[in-house]
Protein backbone atom coordinates (compact mmCIF):
# COMPACT_ATOMS: atom_id res chain seq x y z
CA MET A 1 -20.46 15.93 30.22
CA ARG A 2 -20.16 12.61 28.43
CA ARG A 3 -22.05 11.83 25.25
CA SER A 4 -23.76 8.52 24.87
CA GLY A 5 -23.22 6.42 21.79
CA ARG A 6 -19.99 5.47 20.08
CA ARG A 7 -16.77 5.59 21.99
CA ARG A 8 -13.89 7.42 20.41
CA PRO A 9 -11.02 5.15 19.35
CA SER A 10 -8.09 5.33 21.72
CA GLY A 11 -5.43 5.10 19.01
CA LEU A 12 -4.91 6.00 15.40
CA LEU A 13 -5.69 2.51 14.14
CA ASN A 14 -7.58 1.37 17.25
CA THR A 15 -5.51 -1.83 17.49
CA GLU A 16 -6.82 -2.65 20.96
CA GLU A 17 -10.08 -3.97 19.50
CA LEU A 18 -8.65 -5.90 16.53
CA THR A 19 -9.38 -9.62 16.31
CA VAL A 20 -6.06 -10.25 14.52
CA PRO A 21 -2.80 -9.15 16.15
CA PRO A 22 -0.96 -6.38 14.26
CA LEU A 23 2.02 -8.68 13.68
CA PHE A 24 -0.13 -11.02 11.58
CA ILE A 25 -1.45 -8.06 9.60
CA LEU A 26 2.12 -6.92 8.91
CA LEU A 27 3.24 -10.42 7.88
CA GLY A 28 0.21 -10.77 5.60
CA PHE A 29 0.97 -7.41 3.99
CA ILE A 30 4.61 -8.36 3.42
CA ALA A 31 3.63 -11.72 1.92
CA SER A 32 1.02 -10.21 -0.40
CA VAL A 33 3.38 -7.48 -1.63
CA THR A 34 6.07 -10.08 -2.28
CA VAL A 35 3.69 -12.26 -4.29
CA LEU A 36 2.37 -9.30 -6.29
CA ALA A 37 5.91 -8.07 -7.04
CA THR A 38 6.93 -11.54 -8.23
CA LEU A 39 3.90 -11.81 -10.51
CA TRP A 40 4.41 -8.29 -11.85
CA SER A 41 8.05 -8.96 -12.71
CA ARG A 42 7.11 -12.09 -14.66
CA PHE A 43 4.67 -10.26 -16.93
CA PHE A 44 6.24 -6.80 -17.24
CA GLN A 45 9.82 -5.62 -17.79
CA ARG A 46 9.45 -2.47 -15.72
CA GLY A 47 7.61 -1.49 -12.61
CA PRO A 48 4.69 0.93 -12.77
CA LEU A 49 6.73 3.95 -11.61
CA GLU A 50 9.54 3.11 -14.03
CA TRP A 51 7.00 2.94 -16.84
CA LEU A 52 5.53 6.29 -15.82
CA MET A 53 8.97 7.93 -15.69
CA GLY A 54 9.82 6.49 -19.12
CA ARG A 55 6.63 7.97 -20.55
CA ALA A 56 7.32 11.34 -18.93
CA THR A 57 10.89 11.52 -20.24
CA GLY A 58 9.74 10.41 -23.71
CA ILE A 59 7.23 13.25 -23.82
CA ALA A 60 9.85 15.71 -22.52
CA ARG A 61 12.28 14.65 -25.28
CA ARG A 62 9.67 15.37 -27.95
CA ILE A 63 8.95 18.81 -26.50
CA GLN A 64 12.58 19.97 -26.63
C-alpha cells in the first residue's frame, strides 16, 4: 500500500534533487570558513574554544 503525498527522500541529504552540485556546496563552505577564520584572527588573539578553556582553567585555579 503506497501513501499519496510527499515522497520520502532517498538519501540522508537528498542530494539527487539539489540545484547546486555538492562539490560547489563543499567549496563554498571551505571558502566561508577560511574567510571567517581570517577575520576572527585579526580581531581576537584566541579562538572561541581556546577562550572557553582559558576561562574554565582560570575558574578551576581559583577553586583549588
